[in-house]
Protein backbone atom coordinates (compact mmCIF):
# COMPACT_ATOMS: atom_id res chain seq x y z
CA MET A 1 93.44 39.58 28.87
CA ILE A 2 93.27 37.08 26.02
CA ASN A 3 91.65 33.80 26.98
CA ILE A 4 93.81 30.72 26.38
CA THR A 5 92.00 27.41 26.11
CA GLU A 6 93.73 24.87 28.31
CA GLN A 7 93.87 21.13 27.81
CA SER A 8 91.07 19.71 29.97
CA LYS A 9 91.77 16.80 32.26
CA SER A 10 89.90 13.53 32.16
CA TRP A 11 87.34 12.79 34.86
CA GLN A 12 89.00 12.26 38.29
CA GLU A 13 92.40 12.07 36.56
CA GLY A 14 95.06 10.57 38.80
CA VAL A 15 92.71 9.66 41.66
CA ALA A 16 90.29 7.13 40.14
CA LYS A 17 90.96 3.41 39.97
CA GLU A 18 91.05 2.31 36.33
CA ILE A 19 89.67 -1.16 35.66
CA THR A 20 89.75 -2.37 32.06
CA PHE A 21 87.80 -5.20 30.47
CA ILE A 22 89.37 -6.51 27.26
CA VAL A 23 86.00 -7.56 25.84
CA THR A 24 87.38 -8.65 22.48
CA LYS A 25 90.67 -8.84 20.63
CA ASP A 26 88.95 -8.44 17.28
CA CYS A 27 88.74 -5.24 15.22
CA GLN A 28 87.52 -4.22 11.78
CA LEU A 29 90.75 -2.28 11.22
CA ALA A 30 94.42 -3.18 10.91
CA CYS A 31 96.00 0.16 11.83
CA LYS A 32 99.62 0.15 10.75
CA TYR A 33 100.94 1.70 13.98
CA CYS A 34 98.76 -0.36 16.34
CA TYR A 35 100.63 -1.82 19.32
CA LEU A 36 98.10 -4.67 19.52
CA VAL A 37 100.11 -7.12 17.47
CA GLY A 38 98.05 -10.19 18.43
CA LYS A 39 94.52 -9.12 17.53
CA ASN A 40 92.24 -12.02 16.60
CA SER A 41 88.57 -12.93 16.30
CA ASN A 42 88.72 -15.87 18.72
CA GLU A 43 89.24 -14.29 22.14
CA ARG A 44 85.97 -12.79 23.36
CA MET A 45 85.10 -12.24 27.00
CA SER A 46 82.12 -14.12 28.39
CA PHE A 47 79.68 -12.53 30.80
CA ASP A 48 80.55 -15.14 33.41
CA VAL A 49 84.24 -14.10 33.39
CA ALA A 50 83.28 -10.43 33.62
CA LYS A 51 80.79 -11.11 36.42
CA ARG A 52 83.36 -13.01 38.50
CA ALA A 53 85.90 -10.24 38.00
CA VAL A 54 83.39 -7.62 39.16
CA ASP A 55 82.46 -9.71 42.20
CA TYR A 56 86.11 -10.07 43.17
CA ILE A 57 86.87 -6.37 42.75
CA LEU A 58 83.80 -5.06 44.58
CA GLY A 59 84.51 -7.51 47.40
CA LYS A 60 87.87 -5.82 48.02
CA GLU A 61 86.55 -2.38 48.96
CA ASP A 62 88.87 -2.07 51.98
CA ASP A 63 91.97 -3.32 50.15
CA LYS A 64 94.38 -0.45 49.39
CA LEU A 65 94.50 -1.64 45.78
CA PHE A 66 90.79 -0.80 45.46
CA ASN A 67 90.03 1.89 48.04
CA GLN A 68 90.27 4.88 45.71
CA GLU A 69 87.48 7.42 45.96
CA SER A 70 86.33 6.91 42.36
CA VAL A 71 86.45 4.28 39.63
CA ILE A 72 86.61 4.21 35.84
CA TRP A 73 85.25 1.02 34.29
CA ASP A 74 86.97 0.89 30.91
CA PHE A 75 85.98 -1.30 27.95
CA ILE A 76 88.49 -1.87 25.16
CA GLY A 77 89.33 -4.24 22.32
CA GLY A 78 90.23 -4.62 19.57
CA GLU A 79 87.12 -2.62 18.88
CA PRO A 80 84.87 -2.69 21.96
CA PHE A 81 81.62 -1.80 20.18
CA LEU A 82 81.79 -5.16 18.39
CA GLU A 83 80.63 -6.44 21.78
CA ILE A 84 78.08 -3.77 22.68
CA ASP A 85 75.56 -6.31 24.06
CA LEU A 86 78.20 -7.72 26.40
CA ILE A 87 79.30 -4.23 27.49
CA ASP A 88 75.68 -3.32 28.19
CA LYS A 89 75.18 -6.44 30.30
CA ILE A 90 78.42 -5.91 32.24
CA SER A 91 77.57 -2.26 32.87
CA ASP A 92 74.14 -3.15 34.21
CA TYR A 93 75.63 -5.77 36.51
CA ILE A 94 78.25 -3.32 37.83
CA LYS A 95 75.59 -0.71 38.64
CA VAL A 96 73.31 -3.18 40.38
CA GLN A 97 76.14 -4.69 42.43
CA MET A 98 77.58 -1.34 43.49
CA TYR A 99 74.10 -0.27 44.64
CA THR A 100 73.30 -3.58 46.35
CA LEU A 101 76.59 -3.61 48.25
CA ASN A 102 76.29 0.11 49.10
CA HIS A 103 79.77 0.41 47.62
CA HIS A 104 81.30 3.89 47.82
CA TRP A 105 82.04 3.79 44.08
CA PHE A 106 78.31 3.93 43.32
CA ASN A 107 78.48 7.66 44.05
CA SER A 108 81.52 8.25 41.85
CA TYR A 109 81.95 6.08 38.76
CA ARG A 110 82.36 6.36 35.00
CA PHE A 111 82.19 3.97 32.09
CA SER A 112 84.83 4.74 29.48
CA ILE A 113 85.11 3.48 25.91
CA SER A 114 87.62 4.27 23.18
CA THR A 115 86.32 3.36 19.73
CA ASN A 116 87.31 3.54 16.09
CA GLY A 117 83.90 5.12 15.48
CA LEU A 118 82.72 2.79 12.74
CA ASN A 119 79.72 1.42 14.68
CA TYR A 120 78.96 4.59 16.65
CA ASP A 121 75.57 5.19 15.02
CA ASN A 122 74.49 1.58 15.55
CA GLU A 123 71.06 1.38 17.22
CA ARG A 124 72.29 -0.79 20.12
CA VAL A 125 75.28 1.48 20.70
CA GLN A 126 73.00 4.52 20.78
CA LYS A 127 70.64 2.81 23.21
CA TYR A 128 73.58 2.08 25.53
CA ILE A 129 74.76 5.70 25.32
CA SER A 130 71.28 7.02 26.12
CA LYS A 131 71.00 4.74 29.13
CA ASN A 132 74.41 5.63 30.59
CA ILE A 133 75.06 9.16 29.32
CA ASP A 134 75.43 10.72 32.79
CA HIS A 135 78.23 8.32 33.71
CA LEU A 136 79.88 7.80 30.34
CA SER A 137 82.83 9.06 28.33
CA ILE A 138 83.49 7.93 24.77
CA GLY A 139 86.43 8.82 22.58
CA ILE A 140 86.44 8.35 18.82
CA THR A 141 89.82 8.07 17.16
CA ILE A 142 90.17 10.12 14.00
CA ASP A 143 93.71 10.91 12.91
CA GLY A 144 93.17 14.17 11.03
CA THR A 145 92.77 14.72 7.30
CA GLN A 146 91.58 11.89 5.12
CA LEU A 147 95.12 11.52 3.76
CA LYS A 148 96.70 11.07 7.18
CA HIS A 149 93.87 8.96 8.62
CA ASP A 150 93.73 6.59 5.65
CA LEU A 151 97.51 6.24 5.60
CA ASN A 152 97.31 4.08 8.74
CA ARG A 153 93.72 3.34 9.76
CA VAL A 154 92.75 0.78 7.12
CA TYR A 155 90.31 -2.13 7.01
CA LYS A 156 91.93 -5.48 7.70
CA THR A 157 90.10 -7.18 4.83
CA SER A 158 90.70 -4.66 2.06
CA ASN A 159 93.42 -2.20 3.12
CA LYS A 160 90.88 0.54 2.36
CA GLY A 161 90.99 3.68 4.46
CA SER A 162 88.27 4.18 7.08
CA TYR A 163 88.05 8.01 7.17
CA ASN A 164 84.71 8.41 5.38
CA ASP A 165 83.04 5.79 7.57
CA VAL A 166 84.27 7.49 10.75
CA VAL A 167 83.87 11.18 9.94
CA LYS A 168 80.13 10.79 9.25
CA ASN A 169 79.63 9.90 12.93
CA ILE A 170 81.60 12.85 14.33
CA PRO A 171 78.65 15.33 14.45
CA LEU A 172 76.50 12.89 16.46
CA TRP A 173 79.40 12.14 18.82
CA LEU A 174 80.13 15.83 19.41
CA LYS A 175 76.44 16.53 20.02
CA GLN A 176 76.39 13.88 22.74
CA PHE A 177 79.87 14.63 24.15
CA PRO A 178 80.52 18.28 23.23
CA ASN A 179 83.56 18.78 25.45
CA THR A 180 85.40 15.63 24.49
CA GLY A 181 88.58 15.28 22.46
CA THR A 182 90.16 12.84 20.08
CA LYS A 183 93.43 10.98 20.27
CA VAL A 184 95.85 11.24 17.35
CA THR A 185 98.85 8.95 16.94
CA ILE A 186 101.99 10.01 15.10
CA SER A 187 104.38 7.56 13.46
CA SER A 188 107.26 8.11 11.07
CA ALA A 189 105.27 7.98 7.82
CA ASP A 190 102.68 10.62 8.74
CA ILE A 191 104.85 13.34 10.33
CA PRO A 192 104.49 15.64 7.27
CA TYR A 193 100.72 15.84 7.81
CA ILE A 194 100.60 16.94 11.47
CA LYS A 195 99.82 20.62 10.94
CA GLU A 196 97.02 20.18 8.43
CA SER A 197 95.56 17.28 10.42
CA VAL A 198 95.27 19.18 13.70
CA LEU A 199 93.73 22.16 11.90
CA HIS A 200 91.33 19.82 10.13
CA LEU A 201 90.18 18.34 13.44
CA PHE A 202 89.57 21.84 14.80
CA SER A 203 87.46 22.57 11.71
CA LEU A 204 85.34 19.47 12.38
CA GLY A 205 84.47 20.92 15.79
CA ILE A 206 86.91 18.81 17.80
CA HIS A 207 88.57 21.46 19.93
CA GLN A 208 90.70 19.23 22.11
CA VAL A 209 93.31 17.22 20.22
CA ASN A 210 95.33 14.78 22.31
CA ILE A 211 98.29 13.76 20.21
CA ASN A 212 101.38 11.67 20.84
CA CYS A 213 104.23 9.87 19.13
CA VAL A 214 104.32 6.08 19.28
CA PHE A 215 106.74 4.79 21.90
CA GLU A 216 108.14 2.01 19.72
CA LYS A 217 111.50 2.29 18.00
CA VAL A 218 110.21 3.29 14.56
CA TRP A 219 111.83 6.69 14.08
CA LYS A 220 114.10 7.35 11.11
CA PRO A 221 117.01 9.82 10.83
CA GLY A 222 115.67 13.29 10.17
CA ASP A 223 112.16 12.60 11.50
CA GLU A 224 112.75 15.00 14.37
CA ILE A 225 113.57 17.85 11.95
CA ILE A 226 110.32 17.43 10.01
CA PHE A 227 108.45 17.01 13.29
CA GLU A 228 109.75 20.27 14.75
CA GLN A 229 109.02 22.16 11.55
CA GLN A 230 105.45 20.84 11.43
CA LEU A 231 104.86 21.93 15.02
CA ILE A 232 106.29 25.40 14.38
CA GLU A 233 104.03 25.82 11.35
CA LEU A 234 101.09 24.60 13.45
CA ALA A 235 102.00 27.07 16.20
CA ASP A 236 101.96 29.92 13.69
CA GLU A 237 98.50 28.94 12.46
CA ILE A 238 97.03 28.54 15.94
CA ILE A 239 98.42 31.87 17.20
CA ASP A 240 98.05 34.01 14.07
CA LYS A 241 94.43 32.93 13.60
CA ASP A 242 93.57 33.11 17.34
CA LEU A 243 92.63 29.42 17.42
CA PHE A 244 94.16 29.14 20.90
CA LYS A 245 91.07 30.91 22.26
CA THR A 246 88.80 27.97 21.42
CA SER A 247 91.04 24.97 20.81
CA SER A 248 94.02 23.14 22.29
CA CYS A 249 96.62 20.65 21.11
CA SER A 250 98.49 18.59 23.69
CA PHE A 251 101.81 19.06 21.87
CA PHE A 252 101.83 22.61 23.28
CA ASP A 253 102.09 22.46 27.07
CA GLU A 254 103.79 25.02 29.31
CA SER A 255 104.88 22.36 31.81
CA ILE A 256 107.18 20.42 29.48
CA GLY A 257 110.84 20.97 28.62
CA LYS A 258 112.20 21.79 32.07
CA PRO A 259 114.81 19.99 34.19
CA LEU A 260 113.59 17.69 36.96
CA ASP A 261 115.33 17.55 40.32
CA ASP A 262 115.83 14.35 42.30
CA ASN A 263 112.73 15.05 44.40
CA ASN A 264 110.59 14.71 41.30
CA ASN A 265 110.95 10.96 41.06
CA GLU A 266 107.48 9.69 40.20
CA ASN A 267 106.86 7.03 37.61
CA TRP A 268 105.28 8.42 34.44
CA CYS A 269 103.18 5.32 33.77
CA GLY A 270 100.31 4.06 35.93
CA ALA A 271 100.89 0.36 35.31
CA GLY A 272 100.32 -1.53 38.56
CA LYS A 273 97.84 1.02 39.83
CA MET A 274 95.47 0.01 37.04
CA LEU A 275 93.93 -3.40 36.48
CA ALA A 276 93.06 -5.15 33.22
CA ILE A 277 91.12 -8.39 32.72
CA ASP A 278 91.19 -10.52 29.58
CA SER A 279 88.74 -13.09 28.20
CA ALA A 280 90.37 -15.90 30.21
CA GLY A 281 89.91 -13.99 33.47
CA ILE A 282 93.61 -13.20 33.84
CA PHE A 283 94.58 -9.96 35.59
CA TYR A 284 97.27 -7.64 34.23
CA PRO A 285 98.80 -4.40 35.58
CA CYS A 286 97.82 -2.76 32.27
CA THR A 287 96.36 -3.99 28.98
CA ARG A 288 99.75 -3.63 27.34
CA PHE A 289 101.14 -6.44 29.49
CA ALA A 290 98.68 -8.90 27.93
CA GLN A 291 100.17 -11.15 25.25
CA TYR A 292 98.36 -9.53 22.32
CA SER A 293 100.20 -6.27 23.12
CA LEU A 294 103.74 -7.65 23.29
CA ARG A 295 106.16 -8.32 20.43
CA GLU A 296 109.15 -9.91 22.17
CA LYS A 297 108.22 -10.88 25.73
CA LYS A 298 105.72 -13.20 27.34
CA SER A 299 102.78 -11.61 29.12
CA TRP A 300 103.12 -10.42 32.70
CA ASP A 301 100.03 -11.35 34.71
CA ILE A 302 99.34 -10.45 38.33
CA GLY A 303 96.62 -12.99 39.11
CA ASN A 304 93.25 -14.22 37.91
CA ILE A 305 89.57 -14.44 38.87
CA GLU A 306 90.11 -17.83 40.52
CA GLU A 307 92.97 -16.95 42.86
CA GLY A 308 92.73 -13.17 43.01
CA ILE A 309 95.62 -10.72 42.76
CA ASN A 310 99.08 -11.88 43.71
CA LYS A 311 100.53 -8.86 45.47
CA ASN A 312 104.07 -10.15 45.07
CA LYS A 313 103.58 -9.80 41.32
CA VAL A 314 102.24 -6.27 41.76
CA ARG A 315 105.09 -5.09 44.02
CA PRO A 316 107.67 -4.46 41.25
CA PHE A 317 105.25 -2.02 39.64
CA LEU A 318 104.57 -0.15 42.87
CA LEU A 319 108.32 0.31 43.41
CA LEU A 320 108.92 1.84 40.00
CA ASN A 321 110.10 5.43 39.83
CA ARG A 322 112.03 7.66 37.45
CA SER A 323 115.49 7.02 38.88
CA SER A 324 115.11 3.25 39.16
CA GLN A 325 114.70 2.78 35.41
CA SER A 326 116.20 5.84 33.70
CA PRO A 327 119.76 6.02 32.31
CA GLU A 328 121.99 8.81 33.60
CA GLU A 329 121.43 10.95 30.49
CA CYS A 330 117.70 11.05 31.26
CA MET A 331 118.22 11.94 34.93
CA LYS A 332 120.49 14.85 33.99
CA CYS A 333 118.48 15.99 30.97
CA GLU A 334 117.81 19.74 30.98
CA ILE A 335 114.42 19.30 29.28
CA ALA A 336 113.25 16.15 31.06
CA SER A 337 109.75 17.26 32.09
CA GLY A 338 107.06 15.90 29.83
CA CYS A 339 109.22 13.13 28.37
CA ALA A 340 106.88 10.16 28.57
CA TRP A 341 107.38 6.44 28.62
CA CYS A 342 105.23 3.33 28.48
CA GLN A 343 106.09 0.72 31.09
CA ALA A 344 105.10 -2.16 28.83
CA GLU A 345 107.21 -0.82 25.95
CA ASN A 346 110.15 -0.52 28.38
CA PHE A 347 109.58 -4.16 29.31
CA ASP A 348 109.09 -5.37 25.74
CA SER A 349 112.20 -3.64 24.37
CA ALA A 350 114.46 -4.38 27.36
CA GLU A 351 117.49 -6.62 26.91
CA THR A 352 116.29 -8.85 29.74
CA TYR A 353 112.99 -9.75 31.43
CA THR A 354 112.87 -6.53 33.46
CA LEU A 355 110.71 -3.48 34.10
CA TYR A 356 113.72 -1.39 35.05
CA GLN A 357 115.20 -0.46 31.66
CA ARG A 358 113.70 2.67 30.19
CA SER A 359 113.39 2.86 26.43
CA THR A 360 114.73 6.09 24.94
CA ALA A 361 113.32 5.56 21.44
CA ILE A 362 111.37 8.84 21.50
CA CYS A 363 114.20 10.97 22.94
CA LYS A 364 114.87 12.97 19.78
CA MET A 365 111.15 13.44 19.19
CA HIS A 366 110.70 14.83 22.70
CA LYS A 367 113.54 17.29 22.14
CA ALA A 368 111.99 18.45 18.87
CA GLN A 369 108.64 18.91 20.61
CA VAL A 370 110.26 20.98 23.36
CA TYR A 371 111.95 23.30 20.86
CA ALA A 372 108.66 23.86 19.04
CA ASN A 373 106.81 24.20 22.34
CA ASN A 374 109.16 26.99 23.43
CA TYR A 375 108.54 28.73 20.12
CA TYR A 376 104.77 28.46 20.61
CA TRP A 377 104.67 29.96 24.11
CA ASN A 378 107.19 32.69 23.37
CA LYS A 379 105.20 33.79 20.33
CA LEU A 380 101.86 33.53 22.12
CA TYR A 381 102.91 35.65 25.09
CA ARG A 382 104.52 38.24 22.81
CA LYS A 383 101.16 38.50 21.03
CA ILE A 384 99.31 38.85 24.34
CA GLU A 385 101.71 41.53 25.61
CA LEU A 386 101.47 43.46 22.34
CA GLU A 387 97.67 43.40 22.34
CA HIS A 388 97.60 44.39 26.00
CA TYR A 389 99.96 47.28 25.22
CA HIS A 390 97.74 48.51 22.38
CA HIS A 391 94.63 48.16 24.54
CA SER A 392 96.24 50.16 27.38
CA ASN A 393 97.35 52.94 25.03
CA LYS A 394 93.89 53.10 23.51
CA PHE A 395 92.34 53.35 26.99
CA GLU A 396 94.77 56.12 28.02
CA SER A 397 94.02 58.05 24.84
CA CYS A 398 90.29 57.88 25.54
CA CYS A 399 90.83 59.08 29.12
CA ASN A 400 92.89 62.07 27.94
CA ILE A 401 90.19 63.35 25.60
């Protein structure tokens, strides 16, 4: 039987509490598709704010908001490695406090960082990695070929592409985190480069490509046609060249493109189950509800380090499900499974100040993905059956000699 590489899941996916420190809102890049519309160099988290947040969280071990078996301590920006000394200090404090308090998370924790990769080879960054490697996951964002990457991921001061400065750090990253993957973002302008970009990432040694379309309403008429064609061409390359044995792309997933019955009513997004803290010590249900992530609406906080979490502000998030926010067309859709949404984008694009109005901006892109996905799996299993048939015939011929 042919081996098919499956998309690996992140550590303790779905069962770990995710706690995010927005350590800075600054970044060297000004990526054209970035949802962080309010990045700036002024808002930097202090250690005192981080320390008080940690003390509050670890003091709530028996609270159902924090009694998960495991925890992921996430550091983001902007670009988090601009604040590597702060991250190092916060991480040390978390470890010491979890041990001192005999907290159950001490036996099951991870630090997680998503970076643009520019400072990855920095001496202080490498020292931090060495110290925490057994409890650390790091993702570097590289968008594919130099053409696609540099189309969007440009320096804020010069509009110069950042590909060359990132790709030089990929070998070191893969040596330290050999089973990791990268995250690729697709927007309208770079759809024609999907196929060659995924194949390029495979060639760099990145064998897990997590890829998604932006949730914002940026799609132009005809984008879905180009998108589907790119995915079909990518499918042909992956299957014809047997790349599926060693590599995976999240656009091809057997679970998507099926109808969902009324019993399957979970919310896609984890907002409300996560917790984010900004430089002012304000708590959010997700980083995307902080002001620097919103275009139209004011931020939605759920408390702060002084007063703690206001559970009345959390309740609307815990009550969210598919039916409470989806229009009828989504509930009756024959290919609903795998159609994602971002709770903050729903909120930001809603006509009123509500969580309960699902954005359908990516509807046509989801449909195109499903059509290409069906093509991929049909072709792959035909190939497997054909090779199995030839193998069986060859075995029978040998036995009849």
